[in-house]
Amino acid sequence: MAGDQDSRRFRRRLAALALLVFAGLILIMARMVWLQVTRHEELAAKAEQNRIARQVPVSPSGGPR
């Protein structure tokens, strides 16, 4: 009797944990879709501006002159 009750409790806890993990994965996937689909244009423009703004010419310091 006690073993059966422990087994049911374990299965309930395992199911609750699986549900939490599944919900977390769904949230991560939803965030990824939102960033990739909804905000693509804005984030791509920011990345392009960042790439262009950081180009600084550097002259070599060593080697034959």
PDB file of N, CA and C in Angstrom:
ATOM      1  N   MET A   1       0.807  -1.193   0.000  1.00  0.00           N
ATOM      2  CA  MET A   1       0.000   0.000   0.000  1.00  0.00           C
ATOM      3  C   MET A   1       0.861   1.273   0.000  1.00  0.00           C
ATOM      4  N   ALA A   2       1.826   1.331   0.923  1.00  0.00           N
ATOM      5  CA  ALA A   2       2.664   2.525   1.023  1.00  0.00           C
ATOM      6  C   ALA A   2       3.536   2.669  -0.230  1.00  0.00           C
ATOM      7  N   GLY A   3       4.012   1.548  -0.759  1.00  0.00           N
ATOM      8  CA  GLY A   3       4.827   1.585  -1.970  1.00  0.00           C
ATOM      9  C   GLY A   3       4.039   2.082  -3.161  1.00  0.00           C
ATOM     10  N   ASP A   4       2.772   1.700  -3.250  1.00  0.00           N
ATOM     11  CA  ASP A   4       1.911   2.145  -4.340  1.00  0.00           C
ATOM     12  C   ASP A   4       1.674   3.647  -4.259  1.00  0.00           C
ATOM     13  N   GLN A   5       1.488   4.138  -3.031  1.00  0.00           N
ATOM     14  CA  GLN A   5       1.259   5.568  -2.834  1.00  0.00           C
ATOM     15  C   GLN A   5       2.533   6.356  -3.172  1.00  0.00           C
ATOM     16  N   ASP A   6       3.691   5.848  -2.777  1.00  0.00           N
ATOM     17  CA  ASP A   6       4.962   6.490  -3.109  1.00  0.00           C
ATOM     18  C   ASP A   6       5.178   6.517  -4.617  1.00  0.00           C
ATOM     19  N   SER A   7       4.806   5.431  -5.262  1.00  0.00           N
ATOM     20  CA  SER A   7       4.963   5.353  -6.711  1.00  0.00           C
ATOM     21  C   SER A   7       4.087   6.395  -7.411  1.00  0.00           C
ATOM     22  N   ARG A   8       2.842   6.536  -6.946  1.00  0.00           N
ATOM     23  CA  ARG A   8       1.958   7.549  -7.541  1.00  0.00           C
ATOM     24  C   ARG A   8       2.493   8.957  -7.303  1.00  0.00           C
ATOM     25  N   ARG A   9       2.991   9.197  -6.095  1.00  0.00           N
ATOM     26  CA  ARG A   9       3.547  10.513  -5.772  1.00  0.00           C
ATOM     27  C   ARG A   9       4.756  10.812  -6.661  1.00  0.00           C
ATOM     28  N   PHE A  10       5.613   9.820  -6.850  1.00  0.00           N
ATOM     29  CA  PHE A  10       6.779   9.985  -7.705  1.00  0.00           C
ATOM     30  C   PHE A  10       6.362  10.299  -9.144  1.00  0.00           C
ATOM     31  N   ARG A  11       5.377   9.551  -9.652  1.00  0.00           N
ATOM     32  CA  ARG A  11       4.917   9.790 -11.030  1.00  0.00           C
ATOM     33  C   ARG A  11       4.314  11.179 -11.173  1.00  0.00           C
ATOM     34  N   ARG A  12       3.578  11.642 -10.154  1.00  0.00           N
ATOM     35  CA  ARG A  12       3.008  12.997 -10.203  1.00  0.00           C
ATOM     36  C   ARG A  12       4.113  14.050 -10.215  1.00  0.00           C
ATOM     37  N   ARG A  13       5.120  13.864  -9.380  1.00  0.00           N
ATOM     38  CA  ARG A  13       6.227  14.816  -9.346  1.00  0.00           C
ATOM     39  C   ARG A  13       7.011  14.806 -10.652  1.00  0.00           C
ATOM     40  N   LEU A  14       7.207  13.620 -11.191  1.00  0.00           N
ATOM     41  CA  LEU A  14       7.908  13.508 -12.466  1.00  0.00           C
ATOM     42  C   LEU A  14       7.114  14.180 -13.582  1.00  0.00           C
ATOM     43  N   ALA A  15       5.808  13.998 -13.584  1.00  0.00           N
ATOM     44  CA  ALA A  15       4.961  14.638 -14.593  1.00  0.00           C
ATOM     45  C   ALA A  15       4.994  16.156 -14.438  1.00  0.00           C
ATOM     46  N   ALA A  16       4.980  16.645 -13.192  1.00  0.00           N
ATOM     47  CA  ALA A  16       5.041  18.091 -12.961  1.00  0.00           C
ATOM     48  C   ALA A  16       6.369  18.660 -13.449  1.00  0.00           C
ATOM     49  N   LEU A  17       7.452  17.947 -13.176  1.00  0.00           N
ATOM     50  CA  LEU A  17       8.767  18.386 -13.635  1.00  0.00           C
ATOM     51  C   LEU A  17       8.837  18.383 -15.160  1.00  0.00           C
ATOM     52  N   ALA A  18       8.315  17.347 -15.779  1.00  0.00           N
ATOM     53  CA  ALA A  18       8.311  17.269 -17.244  1.00  0.00           C
ATOM     54  C   ALA A  18       7.496  18.416 -17.833  1.00  0.00           C
ATOM     55  N   LEU A  19       6.382  18.744 -17.193  1.00  0.00           N
ATOM     56  CA  LEU A  19       5.546  19.854 -17.657  1.00  0.00           C
ATOM     57  C   LEU A  19       6.290  21.181 -17.538  1.00  0.00           C
ATOM     58  N   LEU A  20       7.015  21.388 -16.452  1.00  0.00           N
ATOM     59  CA  LEU A  20       7.794  22.615 -16.291  1.00  0.00           C
ATOM     60  C   LEU A  20       8.899  22.720 -17.334  1.00  0.00           C
ATOM     61  N   VAL A  21       9.582  21.621 -17.594  1.00  0.00           N
ATOM     62  CA  VAL A  21      10.633  21.626 -18.608  1.00  0.00           C
ATOM     63  C   VAL A  21      10.039  21.907 -19.986  1.00  0.00           C
ATOM     64  N   PHE A  22       8.927  21.284 -20.294  1.00  0.00           N
ATOM     65  CA  PHE A  22       8.259  21.500 -21.580  1.00  0.00           C
ATOM     66  C   PHE A  22       7.816  22.954 -21.723  1.00  0.00           C
ATOM     67  N   ALA A  23       7.241  23.522 -20.654  1.00  0.00           N
ATOM     68  CA  ALA A  23       6.806  24.926 -20.696  1.00  0.00           C
ATOM     69  C   ALA A  23       8.006  25.846 -20.891  1.00  0.00           C
ATOM     70  N   GLY A  24       9.122  25.544 -20.240  1.00  0.00           N
ATOM     71  CA  GLY A  24      10.323  26.347 -20.423  1.00  0.00           C
ATOM     72  C   GLY A  24      10.839  26.301 -21.851  1.00  0.00           C
ATOM     73  N   LEU A  25      10.828  25.126 -22.444  1.00  0.00           N
ATOM     74  CA  LEU A  25      11.263  25.005 -23.840  1.00  0.00           C
ATOM     75  C   LEU A  25      10.334  25.755 -24.787  1.00  0.00           C
ATOM     76  N   ILE A  26       9.048  25.703 -24.520  1.00  0.00           N
ATOM     77  CA  ILE A  26       8.084  26.439 -25.345  1.00  0.00           C
ATOM     78  C   ILE A  26       8.346  27.944 -25.237  1.00  0.00           C
ATOM     79  N   LEU A  27       8.626  28.430 -24.026  1.00  0.00           N
ATOM     80  CA  LEU A  27       8.926  29.854 -23.850  1.00  0.00           C
ATOM     81  C   LEU A  27      10.189  30.253 -24.589  1.00  0.00           C
ATOM     82  N   ILE A  28      11.215  29.429 -24.527  1.00  0.00           N
ATOM     83  CA  ILE A  28      12.463  29.730 -25.235  1.00  0.00           C
ATOM     84  C   ILE A  28      12.227  29.746 -26.744  1.00  0.00           C
ATOM     85  N   MET A  29      11.467  28.792 -27.240  1.00  0.00           N
ATOM     86  CA  MET A  29      11.182  28.748 -28.677  1.00  0.00           C
ATOM     87  C   MET A  29      10.347  29.944 -29.113  1.00  0.00           C
ATOM     88  N   ALA A  30       9.381  30.346 -28.289  1.00  0.00           N
ATOM     89  CA  ALA A  30       8.552  31.510 -28.620  1.00  0.00           C
ATOM     90  C   ALA A  30       9.407  32.770 -28.674  1.00  0.00           C
ATOM     91  N   ARG A  31      10.327  32.908 -27.735  1.00  0.00           N
ATOM     92  CA  ARG A  31      11.224  34.073 -27.726  1.00  0.00           C
ATOM     93  C   ARG A  31      12.113  34.071 -28.969  1.00  0.00           C
ATOM     94  N   MET A  32      12.614  32.907 -29.333  1.00  0.00           N
ATOM     95  CA  MET A  32      13.458  32.804 -30.513  1.00  0.00           C
ATOM     96  C   MET A  32      12.683  33.195 -31.779  1.00  0.00           C
ATOM     97  N   VAL A  33      11.461  32.713 -31.901  1.00  0.00           N
ATOM     98  CA  VAL A  33      10.635  33.064 -33.061  1.00  0.00           C
ATOM     99  C   VAL A  33      10.368  34.557 -33.075  1.00  0.00           C
ATOM    100  N   TRP A  34      10.063  35.131 -31.910  1.00  0.00           N
ATOM    101  CA  TRP A  34       9.786  36.561 -31.834  1.00  0.00           C
ATOM    102  C   TRP A  34      11.005  37.373 -32.280  1.00  0.00           C
ATOM    103  N   LEU A  35      12.192  36.983 -31.836  1.00  0.00           N
ATOM    104  CA  LEU A  35      13.390  37.716 -32.233  1.00  0.00           C
ATOM    105  C   LEU A  35      13.715  37.527 -33.703  1.00  0.00           C
ATOM    106  N   GLN A  36      13.588  36.309 -34.204  1.00  0.00           N
ATOM    107  CA  GLN A  36      13.989  36.012 -35.580  1.00  0.00           C
ATOM    108  C   GLN A  36      12.983  36.510 -36.615  1.00  0.00           C
ATOM    109  N   VAL A  37      11.710  36.467 -36.283  1.00  0.00           N
ATOM    110  CA  VAL A  37      10.678  36.812 -37.263  1.00  0.00           C
ATOM    111  C   VAL A  37      10.206  38.246 -37.084  1.00  0.00           C
ATOM    112  N   THR A  38       9.812  38.589 -35.876  1.00  0.00           N
ATOM    113  CA  THR A  38       9.195  39.884 -35.631  1.00  0.00           C
ATOM    114  C   THR A  38      10.211  41.018 -35.639  1.00  0.00           C
ATOM    115  N   ARG A  39      11.338  40.838 -35.010  1.00  0.00           N
ATOM    116  CA  ARG A  39      12.300  41.932 -34.854  1.00  0.00           C
ATOM    117  C   ARG A  39      13.501  41.805 -35.792  1.00  0.00           C
ATOM    118  N   HIS A  40      13.395  40.980 -36.819  1.00  0.00           N
ATOM    119  CA  HIS A  40      14.527  40.728 -37.716  1.00  0.00           C
ATOM    120  C   HIS A  40      15.073  42.009 -38.333  1.00  0.00           C
ATOM    121  N   GLU A  41      14.215  42.822 -38.915  1.00  0.00           N
ATOM    122  CA  GLU A  41      14.674  44.021 -39.628  1.00  0.00           C
ATOM    123  C   GLU A  41      15.417  44.976 -38.693  1.00  0.00           C
ATOM    124  N   GLU A  42      14.835  45.244 -37.541  1.00  0.00           N
ATOM    125  CA  GLU A  42      15.446  46.168 -36.586  1.00  0.00           C
ATOM    126  C   GLU A  42      16.803  45.656 -36.095  1.00  0.00           C
ATOM    127  N   LEU A  43      16.865  44.396 -35.745  1.00  0.00           N
ATOM    128  CA  LEU A  43      18.114  43.840 -35.217  1.00  0.00           C
ATOM    129  C   LEU A  43      19.177  43.696 -36.302  1.00  0.00           C
ATOM    130  N   ALA A  44      18.770  43.400 -37.515  1.00  0.00           N
ATOM    131  CA  ALA A  44      19.736  43.315 -38.617  1.00  0.00           C
ATOM    132  C   ALA A  44      20.336  44.686 -38.901  1.00  0.00           C
ATOM    133  N   ALA A  45      19.512  45.736 -38.854  1.00  0.00           N
ATOM    134  CA  ALA A  45      20.016  47.092 -39.068  1.00  0.00           C
ATOM    135  C   ALA A  45      20.986  47.492 -37.958  1.00  0.00           C
ATOM    136  N   LYS A  46      20.671  47.164 -36.725  1.00  0.00           N
ATOM    137  CA  LYS A  46      21.575  47.470 -35.610  1.00  0.00           C
ATOM    138  C   LYS A  46      22.898  46.730 -35.767  1.00  0.00           C
ATOM    139  N   ALA A  47      22.851  45.486 -36.180  1.00  0.00           N
ATOM    140  CA  ALA A  47      24.072  44.706 -36.369  1.00  0.00           C
ATOM    141  C   ALA A  47      24.921  45.300 -37.487  1.00  0.00           C
ATOM    142  N   GLU A  48      24.294  45.734 -38.559  1.00  0.00           N
ATOM    143  CA  GLU A  48      25.020  46.332 -39.669  1.00  0.00           C
ATOM    144  C   GLU A  48      25.669  47.644 -39.247  1.00  0.00           C
ATOM    145  N   GLN A  49      24.954  48.477 -38.515  1.00  0.00           N
ATOM    146  CA  GLN A  49      25.517  49.741 -38.030  1.00  0.00           C
ATOM    147  C   GLN A  49      26.685  49.474 -37.084  1.00  0.00           C
ATOM    148  N   ASN A  50      26.558  48.494 -36.244  1.00  0.00           N
ATOM    149  CA  ASN A  50      27.619  48.158 -35.302  1.00  0.00           C
ATOM    150  C   ASN A  50      28.860  47.663 -36.044  1.00  0.00           C
ATOM    151  N   ARG A  51      28.663  46.871 -37.067  1.00  0.00           N
ATOM    152  CA  ARG A  51      29.791  46.340 -37.834  1.00  0.00           C
ATOM    153  C   ARG A  51      30.530  47.463 -38.539  1.00  0.00           C
ATOM    154  N   ILE A  52      29.797  48.392 -39.141  1.00  0.00           N
ATOM    155  CA  ILE A  52      30.412  49.484 -39.893  1.00  0.00           C
ATOM    156  C   ILE A  52      31.069  50.484 -38.949  1.00  0.00           C
ATOM    157  N   ALA A  53      30.465  50.773 -37.824  1.00  0.00           N
ATOM    158  CA  ALA A  53      30.986  51.777 -36.898  1.00  0.00           C
ATOM    159  C   ALA A  53      32.287  51.344 -36.252  1.00  0.00           C
ATOM    160  N   ARG A  54      32.572  50.089 -36.181  1.00  0.00           N
ATOM    161  CA  ARG A  54      33.758  49.605 -35.472  1.00  0.00           C
ATOM    162  C   ARG A  54      34.983  49.418 -36.366  1.00  0.00           C
ATOM    163  N   GLN A  55      34.909  49.757 -37.635  1.00  0.00           N
ATOM    164  CA  GLN A  55      36.055  49.587 -38.512  1.00  0.00           C
ATOM    165  C   GLN A  55      37.007  50.762 -38.331  1.00  0.00           C
ATOM    166  N   VAL A  56      38.161  50.490 -37.735  1.00  0.00           N
ATOM    167  CA  VAL A  56      39.164  51.526 -37.492  1.00  0.00           C
ATOM    168  C   VAL A  56      40.454  51.086 -38.168  1.00  0.00           C
ATOM    169  N   PRO A  57      40.990  51.914 -39.063  1.00  0.00           N
ATOM    170  CA  PRO A  57      42.246  51.523 -39.725  1.00  0.00           C
ATOM    171  C   PRO A  57      43.403  51.512 -38.729  1.00  0.00           C
ATOM    172  N   VAL A  58      44.194  50.466 -38.786  1.00  0.00           N
ATOM    173  CA  VAL A  58      45.352  50.330 -37.894  1.00  0.00           C
ATOM    174  C   VAL A  58      46.573  50.064 -38.745  1.00  0.00           C
ATOM    175  N   SER A  59      47.598  50.892 -38.565  1.00  0.00           N
ATOM    176  CA  SER A  59      48.822  50.665 -39.339  1.00  0.00           C
ATOM    177  C   SER A  59      49.680  49.622 -38.628  1.00  0.00           C
ATOM    178  N   PRO A  60      50.394  48.824 -39.392  1.00  0.00           N
ATOM    179  CA  PRO A  60      51.229  47.789 -38.771  1.00  0.00           C
ATOM    180  C   PRO A  60      52.376  48.417 -37.985  1.00  0.00           C
ATOM    181  N   SER A  61      52.721  47.823 -36.859  1.00  0.00           N
ATOM    182  CA  SER A  61      53.765  48.398 -36.018  1.00  0.00           C
ATOM    183  C   SER A  61      55.133  47.742 -36.237  1.00  0.00           C
ATOM    184  N   GLY A  62      55.204  46.631 -36.885  1.00  0.00           N
ATOM    185  CA  GLY A  62      56.488  45.955 -37.060  1.00  0.00           C
ATOM    186  C   GLY A  62      56.774  45.684 -38.508  1.00  0.00           C
ATOM    187  N   GLY A  63      57.822  44.959 -38.760  1.00  0.00           N
ATOM    188  CA  GLY A  63      58.169  44.591 -40.114  1.00  0.00           C
ATOM    189  C   GLY A  63      59.162  45.556 -40.743  1.00  0.00           C
ATOM    190  N   PRO A  64      59.648  45.210 -41.949  1.00  0.00           N
ATOM    191  CA  PRO A  64      60.637  46.089 -42.628  1.00  0.00           C
ATOM    192  C   PRO A  64      60.016  47.396 -43.061  1.00  0.00           C
ATOM    193  N   ARG A  65      60.862  48.442 -43.012  1.00  0.00           N
ATOM    194  CA  ARG A  65      60.371  49.771 -43.440  1.00  0.00           C
ATOM    195  C   ARG A  65      61.172  50.282 -44.587  1.00  0.00           C
TER     196      ARG A  65
END
